[in-house]
């Protein structure tokens, strides 16, 4: 089976009828893997629609500084001001700019340790199989830090999408991210529940694995996968 993106789990949950869910699952199970060109193989994640905002938020988080927002906002304003600009790129620039304006008011530093060390992520580790479904995990940043004399591991997943997600849906990303950390890093690090974070960039809202453990957000991953398996 071709890898499944986590937003596709959300798409499944949003289906209203068994018929629409069955059609959706059949498409997932039977789709043919895309044959990549050599250039695409070299660049696994090409520039996407949200790159202006996600790259800026990533830099702000990694460096613990909000100094990255204003220059990127000004860059996007300049792009938007060009008279020959068509409506599609104008909308893209505006959405990215609006996200960054909202993040200027977002307390991002409350979701990171004081000092962190970026950890590499191997390509083969981005696929984790749960309930026979190959799930594609795409953390924005995996990092280690020290707390109370222990080496801990955390991760940030910036999740952009038009109109964003409900917090319960964002929790699915956080659950998968936690499983990813357990599988690939638990032999060397203790998992940081409070720094296992998924952020809906469109709505500037975050969910941590600690939120799930505290019952503030429901656990929906296994329930969703088991329901998918029934189809």
N, C-alpha and C. Protein backbone atom coordinates (compact mmCIF):
# COMPACT_ATOMS: atom_id res chain seq x y z
N UNK A 1 0.83 -1.20 0.00
CA UNK A 1 0.00 0.00 0.00
C UNK A 1 0.87 1.25 0.00
N UNK A 2 0.46 2.24 -0.75
CA UNK A 2 1.19 3.51 -0.78
C UNK A 2 1.05 4.20 0.58
N UNK A 3 2.08 4.99 0.95
CA UNK A 3 2.08 5.65 2.25
C UNK A 3 0.85 6.55 2.41
N UNK A 4 0.39 6.68 3.64
CA UNK A 4 -0.81 7.45 3.95
C UNK A 4 -0.41 8.67 4.77
N UNK A 5 -0.79 9.83 4.30
CA UNK A 5 -0.54 11.06 5.05
C UNK A 5 -1.56 11.18 6.18
N UNK A 6 -1.15 11.84 7.24
CA UNK A 6 -2.01 11.89 8.43
C UNK A 6 -3.25 12.74 8.18
N UNK A 7 -3.16 13.74 7.33
CA UNK A 7 -4.36 14.50 7.02
C UNK A 7 -5.41 13.64 6.31
N UNK A 8 -4.96 12.52 5.71
CA UNK A 8 -5.92 11.60 5.09
C UNK A 8 -6.71 10.83 6.15
N UNK A 9 -6.13 10.62 7.31
CA UNK A 9 -6.90 10.03 8.41
C UNK A 9 -8.00 11.00 8.85
N UNK A 10 -7.65 12.26 8.87
CA UNK A 10 -8.64 13.29 9.20
C UNK A 10 -9.73 13.34 8.13
N UNK A 11 -9.32 13.27 6.87
CA UNK A 11 -10.30 13.27 5.77
C UNK A 11 -11.28 12.11 5.91
N UNK A 12 -10.76 10.94 6.29
CA UNK A 12 -11.62 9.77 6.50
C UNK A 12 -12.63 10.04 7.60
N UNK A 13 -12.17 10.59 8.72
CA UNK A 13 -13.06 10.84 9.85
C UNK A 13 -14.16 11.84 9.48
N UNK A 14 -13.88 12.72 8.53
CA UNK A 14 -14.86 13.74 8.15
C UNK A 14 -15.93 13.21 7.19
N UNK A 15 -15.72 12.01 6.66
CA UNK A 15 -16.73 11.43 5.76
C UNK A 15 -18.01 11.14 6.56
N UNK A 16 -19.15 11.42 5.94
CA UNK A 16 -20.42 11.35 6.66
C UNK A 16 -21.12 10.00 6.56
N UNK A 17 -20.80 9.21 5.54
CA UNK A 17 -21.52 7.95 5.35
C UNK A 17 -20.56 6.79 5.18
N UNK A 18 -21.06 5.59 5.43
CA UNK A 18 -20.25 4.39 5.21
C UNK A 18 -19.84 4.26 3.75
N UNK A 19 -20.73 4.64 2.85
CA UNK A 19 -20.42 4.54 1.43
C UNK A 19 -19.24 5.43 1.06
N UNK A 20 -19.26 6.66 1.51
CA UNK A 20 -18.16 7.58 1.19
C UNK A 20 -16.86 7.13 1.86
N UNK A 21 -16.96 6.55 3.06
CA UNK A 21 -15.77 6.04 3.73
C UNK A 21 -15.20 4.84 2.98
N UNK A 22 -16.07 3.97 2.50
CA UNK A 22 -15.63 2.78 1.76
C UNK A 22 -14.93 3.17 0.47
N UNK A 23 -15.50 4.13 -0.24
CA UNK A 23 -14.87 4.61 -1.49
C UNK A 23 -13.50 5.21 -1.19
N UNK A 24 -13.43 5.97 -0.12
CA UNK A 24 -12.18 6.62 0.26
C UNK A 24 -11.10 5.59 0.58
N UNK A 25 -11.45 4.56 1.35
CA UNK A 25 -10.49 3.52 1.72
C UNK A 25 -10.05 2.72 0.50
N UNK A 26 -10.96 2.42 -0.40
CA UNK A 26 -10.60 1.70 -1.61
C UNK A 26 -9.59 2.47 -2.45
N UNK A 27 -9.76 3.78 -2.50
CA UNK A 27 -8.80 4.61 -3.23
C UNK A 27 -7.43 4.58 -2.57
N UNK A 28 -7.42 4.61 -1.24
CA UNK A 28 -6.15 4.54 -0.52
C UNK A 28 -5.44 3.22 -0.77
N UNK A 29 -6.20 2.13 -0.73
CA UNK A 29 -5.60 0.80 -0.86
C UNK A 29 -5.13 0.50 -2.27
N UNK A 30 -5.75 1.11 -3.26
CA UNK A 30 -5.48 0.73 -4.65
C UNK A 30 -4.72 1.77 -5.47
N UNK A 31 -4.38 2.88 -4.85
CA UNK A 31 -3.67 3.89 -5.64
C UNK A 31 -2.26 3.40 -5.96
N UNK A 32 -1.78 3.83 -7.11
CA UNK A 32 -0.47 3.39 -7.60
C UNK A 32 0.59 4.39 -7.16
N UNK A 33 1.70 3.91 -6.59
CA UNK A 33 2.77 4.82 -6.19
C UNK A 33 3.26 5.68 -7.36
N UNK A 34 3.48 6.93 -7.08
CA UNK A 34 3.97 7.85 -8.10
C UNK A 34 5.42 7.53 -8.43
N UNK A 35 5.72 7.48 -9.73
CA UNK A 35 7.09 7.27 -10.18
C UNK A 35 7.80 8.62 -10.23
N UNK A 36 8.80 8.77 -9.39
CA UNK A 36 9.49 10.05 -9.27
C UNK A 36 10.59 10.19 -10.31
N UNK A 37 10.79 11.41 -10.78
CA UNK A 37 11.93 11.71 -11.64
C UNK A 37 13.18 11.77 -10.77
N UNK A 38 14.33 11.81 -11.42
CA UNK A 38 15.58 11.89 -10.66
C UNK A 38 15.63 13.16 -9.82
N UNK A 39 15.12 14.26 -10.39
CA UNK A 39 15.12 15.53 -9.65
C UNK A 39 14.23 15.44 -8.42
N UNK A 40 13.08 14.78 -8.55
CA UNK A 40 12.15 14.64 -7.43
C UNK A 40 12.72 13.72 -6.36
N UNK A 41 13.50 12.72 -6.78
CA UNK A 41 14.13 11.83 -5.81
C UNK A 41 15.15 12.57 -4.97
N UNK A 42 15.85 13.53 -5.60
CA UNK A 42 16.87 14.29 -4.89
C UNK A 42 16.24 15.29 -3.91
N UNK A 43 15.03 15.73 -4.24
CA UNK A 43 14.36 16.69 -3.39
C UNK A 43 13.02 16.10 -2.95
N UNK A 44 13.04 15.45 -1.81
CA UNK A 44 11.86 14.72 -1.36
C UNK A 44 10.67 15.63 -1.12
N UNK A 45 10.92 16.81 -0.54
CA UNK A 45 9.85 17.73 -0.21
C UNK A 45 10.06 19.05 -0.93
N UNK A 46 9.55 19.18 -2.16
CA UNK A 46 9.72 20.41 -2.92
C UNK A 46 8.99 21.57 -2.24
N UNK A 47 9.31 22.79 -2.64
CA UNK A 47 8.66 23.97 -2.08
C UNK A 47 7.15 23.84 -2.22
N UNK A 48 6.44 24.10 -1.14
CA UNK A 48 5.00 23.94 -1.18
C UNK A 48 4.29 25.26 -0.94
N UNK A 49 2.98 25.18 -0.95
CA UNK A 49 2.11 26.35 -0.85
C UNK A 49 2.39 27.17 0.41
N UNK A 50 2.73 26.47 1.50
CA UNK A 50 2.85 27.11 2.80
C UNK A 50 4.29 27.38 3.22
N UNK A 51 5.23 27.24 2.31
CA UNK A 51 6.64 27.28 2.69
C UNK A 51 7.04 28.62 3.33
N UNK A 52 6.42 29.71 2.92
CA UNK A 52 6.81 31.02 3.46
C UNK A 52 6.51 31.10 4.96
N UNK A 53 5.36 30.60 5.36
CA UNK A 53 5.00 30.65 6.78
C UNK A 53 5.66 29.53 7.59
N UNK A 54 5.64 28.31 7.07
CA UNK A 54 6.18 27.20 7.86
C UNK A 54 7.68 27.34 8.08
N UNK A 55 8.41 27.78 7.06
CA UNK A 55 9.86 27.94 7.23
C UNK A 55 10.18 29.03 8.24
N UNK A 56 9.37 30.08 8.25
CA UNK A 56 9.59 31.17 9.19
C UNK A 56 9.27 30.74 10.62
N UNK A 57 8.16 30.05 10.80
CA UNK A 57 7.78 29.57 12.13
C UNK A 57 8.82 28.55 12.63
N UNK A 58 9.28 27.71 11.72
CA UNK A 58 10.33 26.74 12.07
C UNK A 58 11.57 27.47 12.60
N UNK A 59 12.01 28.50 11.91
CA UNK A 59 13.20 29.25 12.34
C UNK A 59 12.96 29.94 13.68
N UNK A 60 11.76 30.48 13.86
CA UNK A 60 11.44 31.14 15.12
C UNK A 60 11.48 30.15 16.28
N UNK A 61 10.94 28.96 16.04
CA UNK A 61 10.93 27.94 17.09
C UNK A 61 12.34 27.42 17.37
N UNK A 62 13.05 27.08 16.33
CA UNK A 62 14.39 26.49 16.50
C UNK A 62 15.33 27.45 17.23
N UNK A 63 15.20 28.73 16.91
CA UNK A 63 16.12 29.72 17.47
C UNK A 63 15.56 30.43 18.71
N UNK A 64 14.30 30.15 19.04
CA UNK A 64 13.70 30.78 20.21
C UNK A 64 13.60 32.28 20.08
N UNK A 65 13.29 32.77 18.88
CA UNK A 65 13.25 34.21 18.63
C UNK A 65 12.14 34.56 17.64
N UNK A 66 11.47 35.69 17.90
CA UNK A 66 10.42 36.15 16.99
C UNK A 66 10.94 37.16 15.96
N UNK A 67 12.26 37.28 15.86
CA UNK A 67 12.84 38.26 14.93
C UNK A 67 12.66 37.87 13.46
N UNK A 68 12.23 36.65 13.22
CA UNK A 68 12.08 36.18 11.83
C UNK A 68 10.76 36.62 11.19
N UNK A 69 9.78 37.01 12.01
CA UNK A 69 8.45 37.28 11.47
C UNK A 69 8.39 38.54 10.60
N UNK A 70 8.85 39.65 11.13
CA UNK A 70 8.69 40.92 10.41
C UNK A 70 9.36 40.93 9.04
N UNK A 71 10.62 40.46 8.91
CA UNK A 71 11.23 40.44 7.56
C UNK A 71 10.45 39.59 6.57
N UNK A 72 9.93 38.45 7.01
CA UNK A 72 9.17 37.59 6.09
C UNK A 72 7.82 38.22 5.74
N UNK A 73 7.19 38.86 6.71
CA UNK A 73 5.93 39.56 6.44
C UNK A 73 6.17 40.68 5.42
N UNK A 74 7.25 41.43 5.59
CA UNK A 74 7.57 42.50 4.64
C UNK A 74 7.85 41.94 3.26
N UNK A 75 8.54 40.80 3.20
CA UNK A 75 8.81 40.15 1.91
C UNK A 75 7.50 39.77 1.21
N UNK A 76 6.57 39.23 1.96
CA UNK A 76 5.29 38.83 1.38
C UNK A 76 4.46 40.04 0.97
N UNK A 77 4.51 41.10 1.77
CA UNK A 77 3.80 42.33 1.40
C UNK A 77 4.33 42.87 0.08
N UNK A 78 5.63 42.81 -0.10
CA UNK A 78 6.24 43.29 -1.34
C UNK A 78 5.79 42.44 -2.52
N UNK A 79 5.76 41.13 -2.33
CA UNK A 79 5.29 40.26 -3.41
C UNK A 79 3.83 40.55 -3.76
N UNK A 80 3.02 40.84 -2.75
CA UNK A 80 1.60 41.10 -2.97
C UNK A 80 1.35 42.43 -3.67
N UNK A 81 2.30 43.33 -3.57
CA UNK A 81 2.11 44.69 -4.12
C UNK A 81 2.36 44.79 -5.62
N UNK A 82 2.88 43.74 -6.22
CA UNK A 82 3.18 43.78 -7.65
C UNK A 82 1.88 43.82 -8.46
N UNK A 83 1.71 44.82 -9.32
CA UNK A 83 0.43 45.00 -10.03
C UNK A 83 0.10 43.87 -11.00
N UNK A 84 1.11 43.19 -11.50
CA UNK A 84 0.87 42.13 -12.49
C UNK A 84 0.57 40.78 -11.84
N UNK A 85 0.54 40.74 -10.51
CA UNK A 85 0.34 39.49 -9.80
C UNK A 85 -1.06 38.94 -10.03
N UNK A 86 -1.14 37.64 -10.34
CA UNK A 86 -2.44 37.00 -10.56
C UNK A 86 -3.09 36.63 -9.23
N UNK A 87 -4.37 36.29 -9.28
CA UNK A 87 -5.14 36.09 -8.05
C UNK A 87 -4.66 34.87 -7.25
N UNK A 88 -4.24 33.80 -7.93
CA UNK A 88 -3.83 32.60 -7.22
C UNK A 88 -2.60 32.82 -6.34
N UNK A 89 -1.49 33.36 -6.89
CA UNK A 89 -0.35 33.63 -6.02
C UNK A 89 -0.63 34.72 -5.00
N UNK A 90 -1.50 35.67 -5.34
CA UNK A 90 -1.86 36.70 -4.37
C UNK A 90 -2.52 36.08 -3.14
N UNK A 91 -3.44 35.14 -3.37
CA UNK A 91 -4.10 34.44 -2.26
C UNK A 91 -3.09 33.65 -1.44
N UNK A 92 -2.16 32.99 -2.11
CA UNK A 92 -1.13 32.21 -1.42
C UNK A 92 -0.28 33.13 -0.52
N UNK A 93 0.20 34.23 -1.07
CA UNK A 93 1.02 35.14 -0.27
C UNK A 93 0.23 35.71 0.90
N UNK A 94 -1.04 36.04 0.66
CA UNK A 94 -1.86 36.62 1.72
C UNK A 94 -2.09 35.62 2.85
N UNK A 95 -2.38 34.37 2.50
CA UNK A 95 -2.60 33.37 3.54
C UNK A 95 -1.34 33.15 4.38
N UNK A 96 -0.20 33.08 3.72
CA UNK A 96 1.05 32.91 4.45
C UNK A 96 1.34 34.13 5.33
N UNK A 97 1.08 35.32 4.81
CA UNK A 97 1.29 36.53 5.60
C UNK A 97 0.37 36.56 6.82
N UNK A 98 -0.89 36.22 6.61
CA UNK A 98 -1.86 36.26 7.71
C UNK A 98 -1.48 35.27 8.81
N UNK A 99 -0.96 34.12 8.41
CA UNK A 99 -0.49 33.14 9.41
C UNK A 99 0.63 33.73 10.25
N UNK A 100 1.58 34.40 9.60
CA UNK A 100 2.70 34.97 10.33
C UNK A 100 2.26 36.13 11.22
N UNK A 101 1.28 36.91 10.77
CA UNK A 101 0.75 37.98 11.62
C UNK A 101 0.13 37.39 12.89
N UNK A 102 -0.57 36.27 12.75
CA UNK A 102 -1.18 35.64 13.93
C UNK A 102 -0.13 35.04 14.85
N UNK A 103 0.98 34.56 14.28
CA UNK A 103 2.02 33.95 15.11
C UNK A 103 2.85 34.99 15.86
N UNK A 104 2.76 36.24 15.45
CA UNK A 104 3.44 37.28 16.23
C UNK A 104 2.82 37.40 17.61
N UNK A 105 1.55 36.97 17.74
CA UNK A 105 0.86 37.01 19.02
C UNK A 105 0.84 35.65 19.72
N UNK A 106 1.44 34.66 19.09
CA UNK A 106 1.42 33.29 19.59
C UNK A 106 2.66 33.05 20.46
N UNK A 107 2.47 32.49 21.65
CA UNK A 107 3.59 32.29 22.59
C UNK A 107 4.34 31.00 22.23
N UNK A 108 5.08 31.04 21.14
CA UNK A 108 5.77 29.85 20.65
C UNK A 108 6.85 29.38 21.61
N UNK A 109 7.49 30.32 22.28
CA UNK A 109 8.59 29.95 23.17
C UNK A 109 8.12 29.17 24.40
N UNK A 110 6.83 29.22 24.70
CA UNK A 110 6.30 28.42 25.80
C UNK A 110 6.24 26.94 25.46
N UNK A 111 6.45 26.64 24.19
CA UNK A 111 6.37 25.25 23.72
C UNK A 111 7.74 24.66 23.38
N UNK A 112 8.79 25.28 23.89
CA UNK A 112 10.14 24.77 23.61
C UNK A 112 11.00 24.84 24.87
N UNK A 113 11.99 23.94 24.97
CA UNK A 113 12.95 24.06 26.08
C UNK A 113 13.87 25.26 25.82
N UNK A 114 14.57 25.67 26.85
CA UNK A 114 15.46 26.83 26.69
C UNK A 114 16.55 26.55 25.67
N UNK A 115 17.11 25.34 25.75
CA UNK A 115 18.16 24.95 24.80
C UNK A 115 17.77 23.63 24.15
N UNK A 116 17.95 23.56 22.85
CA UNK A 116 17.64 22.31 22.15
C UNK A 116 18.71 22.02 21.11
N UNK A 117 18.83 20.74 20.79
CA UNK A 117 19.79 20.29 19.78
C UNK A 117 19.03 19.54 18.70
N UNK A 118 19.12 20.01 17.49
CA UNK A 118 18.41 19.38 16.37
C UNK A 118 18.95 17.98 16.13
N UNK A 119 18.03 17.03 15.96
CA UNK A 119 18.39 15.64 15.66
C UNK A 119 17.98 15.31 14.23
N UNK A 120 18.81 14.53 13.56
CA UNK A 120 18.51 14.15 12.18
C UNK A 120 17.40 13.10 12.14
N UNK A 121 16.69 13.08 11.03
CA UNK A 121 15.62 12.11 10.81
C UNK A 121 15.92 11.36 9.52
N UNK A 122 16.11 10.06 9.63
CA UNK A 122 16.39 9.27 8.44
C UNK A 122 15.10 9.04 7.64
N UNK A 123 15.26 9.01 6.33
CA UNK A 123 14.10 8.90 5.44
C UNK A 123 13.26 7.67 5.75
N UNK A 124 13.90 6.54 6.02
CA UNK A 124 13.17 5.30 6.26
C UNK A 124 12.38 5.33 7.57
N UNK A 125 12.74 6.25 8.46
CA UNK A 125 12.04 6.36 9.74
C UNK A 125 10.73 7.13 9.62
N UNK A 126 10.51 7.77 8.46
CA UNK A 126 9.31 8.58 8.29
C UNK A 126 8.06 7.76 8.01
N UNK A 127 8.23 6.46 7.81
CA UNK A 127 7.09 5.57 7.63
C UNK A 127 6.97 4.68 8.87
N UNK A 128 5.83 4.75 9.55
CA UNK A 128 5.58 3.82 10.65
C UNK A 128 4.29 3.06 10.33
N UNK A 129 4.32 1.77 10.54
CA UNK A 129 3.17 0.93 10.20
C UNK A 129 2.35 0.65 11.45
N UNK A 130 1.09 1.06 11.41
CA UNK A 130 0.16 0.84 12.52
C UNK A 130 -1.12 0.21 11.97
N UNK A 131 -1.55 -0.88 12.56
CA UNK A 131 -2.75 -1.60 12.10
C UNK A 131 -2.67 -1.88 10.60
N UNK A 132 -1.48 -2.23 10.14
CA UNK A 132 -1.21 -2.57 8.73
C UNK A 132 -1.28 -1.37 7.78
N UNK A 133 -1.38 -0.16 8.31
CA UNK A 133 -1.38 1.03 7.47
C UNK A 133 -0.03 1.72 7.56
N UNK A 134 0.62 1.97 6.40
CA UNK A 134 1.91 2.68 6.41
C UNK A 134 1.69 4.19 6.52
N UNK A 135 1.91 4.75 7.68
CA UNK A 135 1.66 6.16 7.92
C UNK A 135 2.91 6.99 7.69
N UNK A 136 2.74 8.10 6.99
CA UNK A 136 3.86 8.98 6.67
C UNK A 136 3.95 10.09 7.71
N UNK A 137 5.06 10.11 8.42
CA UNK A 137 5.29 11.09 9.49
C UNK A 137 6.30 12.12 8.99
N UNK A 138 5.94 13.37 9.10
CA UNK A 138 6.79 14.43 8.55
C UNK A 138 7.04 15.52 9.60
N UNK A 139 7.81 15.21 10.64
CA UNK A 139 8.07 16.22 11.67
C UNK A 139 8.87 17.39 11.10
N UNK A 140 8.54 18.58 11.55
CA UNK A 140 9.28 19.76 11.12
C UNK A 140 10.63 19.83 11.79
N UNK A 141 10.67 19.37 13.05
CA UNK A 141 11.92 19.41 13.82
C UNK A 141 11.88 18.34 14.90
N UNK A 142 12.95 17.56 14.98
CA UNK A 142 13.16 16.63 16.08
C UNK A 142 14.36 17.14 16.86
N UNK A 143 14.24 17.21 18.17
CA UNK A 143 15.30 17.83 18.96
C UNK A 143 15.47 17.14 20.30
N UNK A 144 16.68 17.19 20.81
CA UNK A 144 16.97 16.68 22.15
C UNK A 144 17.22 17.86 23.08
N UNK A 145 17.07 17.60 24.37
CA UNK A 145 17.36 18.62 25.38
C UNK A 145 17.57 17.89 26.71
N UNK A 146 18.12 18.60 27.67
CA UNK A 146 18.38 18.01 28.98
C UNK A 146 17.43 18.60 30.00
N UNK A 147 16.87 17.73 30.85
CA UNK A 147 15.99 18.19 31.92
C UNK A 147 16.16 17.28 33.13
N UNK A 148 16.43 17.89 34.25
CA UNK A 148 16.62 17.13 35.49
C UNK A 148 17.65 16.02 35.34
N UNK A 149 18.71 16.32 34.60
CA UNK A 149 19.80 15.38 34.43
C UNK A 149 19.53 14.26 33.43
N UNK A 150 18.40 14.32 32.73
CA UNK A 150 18.04 13.28 31.77
C UNK A 150 18.02 13.85 30.35
N UNK A 151 18.45 13.03 29.41
CA UNK A 151 18.38 13.41 28.00
C UNK A 151 16.99 13.08 27.45
N UNK A 152 16.28 14.10 26.99
CA UNK A 152 14.93 13.93 26.49
C UNK A 152 14.87 14.25 25.00
N UNK A 153 13.85 13.71 24.35
CA UNK A 153 13.63 13.95 22.93
C UNK A 153 12.24 14.53 22.73
N UNK A 154 12.15 15.52 21.87
CA UNK A 154 10.86 16.12 21.55
C UNK A 154 10.78 16.35 20.05
N UNK A 155 9.62 16.79 19.58
CA UNK A 155 9.45 17.04 18.16
C UNK A 155 8.36 18.07 17.94
N UNK A 156 8.51 18.81 16.87
CA UNK A 156 7.53 19.80 16.44
C UNK A 156 7.03 19.42 15.06
N UNK A 157 5.71 19.46 14.89
CA UNK A 157 5.11 19.18 13.58
C UNK A 157 4.20 20.35 13.23
N UNK A 158 4.63 21.16 12.27
CA UNK A 158 3.82 22.26 11.77
C UNK A 158 2.89 21.72 10.68
N UNK A 159 1.59 21.88 10.89
CA UNK A 159 0.61 21.26 10.01
C UNK A 159 -0.25 22.36 9.37
N UNK A 160 0.08 22.78 8.14
CA UNK A 160 -0.71 23.81 7.48
C UNK A 160 -1.82 23.22 6.61
N UNK A 161 -2.97 23.84 6.64
CA UNK A 161 -4.08 23.45 5.76
C UNK A 161 -5.11 24.57 5.76
N UNK A 162 -5.70 24.84 4.61
CA UNK A 162 -6.74 25.86 4.53
C UNK A 162 -7.87 25.51 5.51
N UNK A 163 -8.24 26.47 6.33
CA UNK A 163 -9.27 26.35 7.36
C UNK A 163 -8.80 25.54 8.57
N UNK A 164 -7.63 24.90 8.49
CA UNK A 164 -7.04 24.25 9.64
C UNK A 164 -7.78 23.01 10.12
N UNK A 165 -7.63 22.72 11.41
CA UNK A 165 -8.15 21.49 12.01
C UNK A 165 -8.85 21.79 13.33
N UNK A 166 -9.76 20.89 13.70
CA UNK A 166 -10.25 20.89 15.07
C UNK A 166 -9.11 20.41 15.96
N UNK A 167 -9.14 20.78 17.23
CA UNK A 167 -8.08 20.33 18.14
C UNK A 167 -8.07 18.82 18.27
N UNK A 168 -9.23 18.19 18.22
CA UNK A 168 -9.29 16.73 18.30
C UNK A 168 -8.60 16.10 17.09
N UNK A 169 -8.72 16.73 15.92
CA UNK A 169 -8.05 16.24 14.72
C UNK A 169 -6.55 16.46 14.82
N UNK A 170 -6.16 17.60 15.36
CA UNK A 170 -4.74 17.90 15.54
C UNK A 170 -4.11 16.89 16.50
N UNK A 171 -4.91 16.39 17.42
CA UNK A 171 -4.41 15.39 18.35
C UNK A 171 -3.95 14.12 17.66
N UNK A 172 -4.55 13.79 16.51
CA UNK A 172 -4.13 12.60 15.76
C UNK A 172 -2.70 12.76 15.28
N UNK A 173 -2.36 13.95 14.78
CA UNK A 173 -0.98 14.22 14.37
C UNK A 173 -0.03 14.05 15.56
N UNK A 174 -0.47 14.53 16.71
CA UNK A 174 0.37 14.45 17.91
C UNK A 174 0.57 13.00 18.35
N UNK A 175 -0.48 12.19 18.27
CA UNK A 175 -0.37 10.77 18.61
C UNK A 175 0.63 10.06 17.69
N UNK A 176 0.51 10.31 16.40
CA UNK A 176 1.42 9.68 15.44
C UNK A 176 2.85 10.13 15.69
N UNK A 177 3.01 11.40 15.99
CA UNK A 177 4.35 11.93 16.28
C UNK A 177 4.95 11.25 17.50
N UNK A 178 4.14 11.02 18.52
CA UNK A 178 4.62 10.33 19.71
C UNK A 178 5.04 8.89 19.38
N UNK A 179 4.24 8.19 18.58
CA UNK A 179 4.59 6.82 18.18
C UNK A 179 5.91 6.82 17.39
N UNK A 180 6.09 7.84 16.55
CA UNK A 180 7.32 7.99 15.78
C UNK A 180 8.52 8.15 16.71
N UNK A 181 8.39 8.97 17.74
CA UNK A 181 9.48 9.17 18.68
C UNK A 181 9.78 7.90 19.47
N UNK A 182 8.73 7.21 19.91
CA UNK A 182 8.92 5.96 20.64
C UNK A 182 9.68 4.95 19.80
N UNK A 183 9.27 4.80 18.55
CA UNK A 183 9.87 3.79 17.69
C UNK A 183 11.34 4.07 17.39
N UNK A 184 11.68 5.33 17.16
CA UNK A 184 13.00 5.65 16.63
C UNK A 184 13.99 6.24 17.63
N UNK A 185 13.53 6.70 18.79
CA UNK A 185 14.44 7.41 19.68
C UNK A 185 14.38 6.94 21.14
N UNK A 186 13.44 6.09 21.48
CA UNK A 186 13.24 5.76 22.90
C UNK A 186 14.38 4.96 23.51
N UNK A 187 15.21 4.33 22.69
CA UNK A 187 16.35 3.58 23.24
C UNK A 187 17.42 4.51 23.78
N UNK A 188 17.44 5.74 23.29
CA UNK A 188 18.51 6.68 23.68
C UNK A 188 18.00 7.86 24.49
N UNK A 189 16.70 8.13 24.40
CA UNK A 189 16.15 9.31 25.05
C UNK A 189 14.85 8.99 25.79
N UNK A 190 14.55 9.84 26.75
CA UNK A 190 13.22 9.82 27.37
C UNK A 190 12.33 10.76 26.56
N UNK A 191 11.09 10.35 26.28
CA UNK A 191 10.20 11.16 25.46
C UNK A 191 9.64 12.32 26.28
N UNK A 192 9.68 13.52 25.72
CA UNK A 192 9.10 14.70 26.37
C UNK A 192 7.64 14.83 25.98
N UNK A 193 6.74 14.52 26.89
CA UNK A 193 5.31 14.62 26.59
C UNK A 193 4.90 16.05 26.24
N UNK A 194 5.48 17.02 26.95
CA UNK A 194 5.08 18.41 26.75
C UNK A 194 5.75 19.04 25.54
N UNK A 195 6.78 18.40 25.01
CA UNK A 195 7.44 18.92 23.81
C UNK A 195 7.25 18.01 22.60
N UNK A 196 6.25 17.18 22.65
CA UNK A 196 5.79 16.43 21.47
C UNK A 196 4.57 17.21 20.98
N UNK A 197 4.76 18.04 19.96
CA UNK A 197 3.83 19.12 19.65
C UNK A 197 3.39 19.10 18.19
N UNK A 198 2.10 19.23 17.98
CA UNK A 198 1.55 19.47 16.63
C UNK A 198 0.90 20.84 16.64
N UNK A 199 1.20 21.64 15.62
CA UNK A 199 0.65 23.00 15.55
C UNK A 199 -0.11 23.17 14.24
N UNK A 200 -1.35 23.56 14.36
CA UNK A 200 -2.17 23.95 13.22
C UNK A 200 -1.81 25.40 12.92
N UNK A 201 -1.03 25.62 11.87
CA UNK A 201 -0.53 26.97 11.60
C UNK A 201 -1.63 27.91 11.13
N UNK A 202 -2.63 27.38 10.42
CA UNK A 202 -3.68 28.24 9.87
C UNK A 202 -4.46 28.91 11.00
N UNK A 203 -4.72 28.18 12.07
CA UNK A 203 -5.48 28.71 13.21
C UNK A 203 -4.62 29.07 14.41
N UNK A 204 -3.30 28.90 14.27
CA UNK A 204 -2.37 29.21 15.36
C UNK A 204 -2.80 28.56 16.67
N UNK A 205 -2.93 27.23 16.63
CA UNK A 205 -3.27 26.48 17.84
C UNK A 205 -2.41 25.22 17.92
N UNK A 206 -2.12 24.81 19.13
CA UNK A 206 -1.19 23.70 19.36
C UNK A 206 -1.82 22.64 20.24
N UNK A 207 -1.36 21.41 20.04
CA UNK A 207 -1.71 20.28 20.91
C UNK A 207 -0.41 19.56 21.26
N UNK A 208 -0.22 19.25 22.52
CA UNK A 208 0.93 18.46 22.95
C UNK A 208 0.44 17.08 23.39
N UNK A 209 1.38 16.14 23.45
CA UNK A 209 1.00 14.80 23.91
C UNK A 209 0.54 14.85 25.36
N UNK A 210 1.04 15.81 26.11
CA UNK A 210 0.59 15.97 27.51
C UNK A 210 -0.89 16.33 27.56
N UNK A 211 -1.37 17.09 26.57
CA UNK A 211 -2.80 17.42 26.51
C UNK A 211 -3.65 16.16 26.37
N UNK A 212 -3.14 15.21 25.60
CA UNK A 212 -3.86 13.94 25.45
C UNK A 212 -3.83 13.14 26.74
N UNK A 213 -2.67 13.08 27.38
CA UNK A 213 -2.55 12.33 28.63
C UNK A 213 -3.43 12.92 29.73
N UNK A 214 -3.63 14.24 29.67
CA UNK A 214 -4.45 14.93 30.67
C UNK A 214 -5.94 14.91 30.32
N UNK A 215 -6.29 14.20 29.23
CA UNK A 215 -7.68 14.08 28.79
C UNK A 215 -8.28 15.40 28.30
N UNK A 216 -7.41 16.36 27.96
CA UNK A 216 -7.91 17.60 27.36
C UNK A 216 -8.27 17.40 25.89
N UNK A 217 -7.59 16.43 25.27
CA UNK A 217 -7.82 16.08 23.87
C UNK A 217 -8.03 14.56 23.81
N UNK A 218 -9.01 14.07 23.05
CA UNK A 218 -9.26 12.62 23.01
C UNK A 218 -8.22 11.88 22.16
N UNK A 219 -7.93 10.63 22.55
CA UNK A 219 -7.12 9.74 21.73
C UNK A 219 -8.00 9.18 20.61
N UNK A 220 -7.67 9.47 19.37
CA UNK A 220 -8.50 9.05 18.24
C UNK A 220 -7.76 8.20 17.21
N UNK A 221 -6.44 8.07 17.34
CA UNK A 221 -5.65 7.40 16.31
C UNK A 221 -6.05 5.93 16.14
N UNK A 222 -5.98 5.15 17.22
CA UNK A 222 -6.30 3.72 17.11
C UNK A 222 -7.75 3.50 16.70
N UNK A 223 -8.64 4.30 17.24
CA UNK A 223 -10.05 4.20 16.87
C UNK A 223 -10.24 4.44 15.38
N UNK A 224 -9.54 5.43 14.84
CA UNK A 224 -9.65 5.75 13.41
C UNK A 224 -9.08 4.63 12.56
N UNK A 225 -7.91 4.12 12.91
CA UNK A 225 -7.29 3.05 12.14
C UNK A 225 -8.12 1.77 12.17
N UNK A 226 -8.68 1.46 13.32
CA UNK A 226 -9.51 0.25 13.42
C UNK A 226 -10.78 0.39 12.58
N UNK A 227 -11.33 1.58 12.55
CA UNK A 227 -12.51 1.80 11.71
C UNK A 227 -12.14 1.70 10.23
N UNK A 228 -10.99 2.24 9.87
CA UNK A 228 -10.53 2.16 8.47
C UNK A 228 -10.33 0.69 8.07
N UNK A 229 -9.80 -0.09 8.99
CA UNK A 229 -9.53 -1.49 8.70
C UNK A 229 -10.82 -2.26 8.43
N UNK A 230 -11.91 -1.85 9.05
CA UNK A 230 -13.20 -2.51 8.87
C UNK A 230 -13.75 -2.33 7.46
N UNK A 231 -13.22 -1.35 6.74
CA UNK A 231 -13.67 -1.13 5.35
C UNK A 231 -12.74 -1.82 4.36
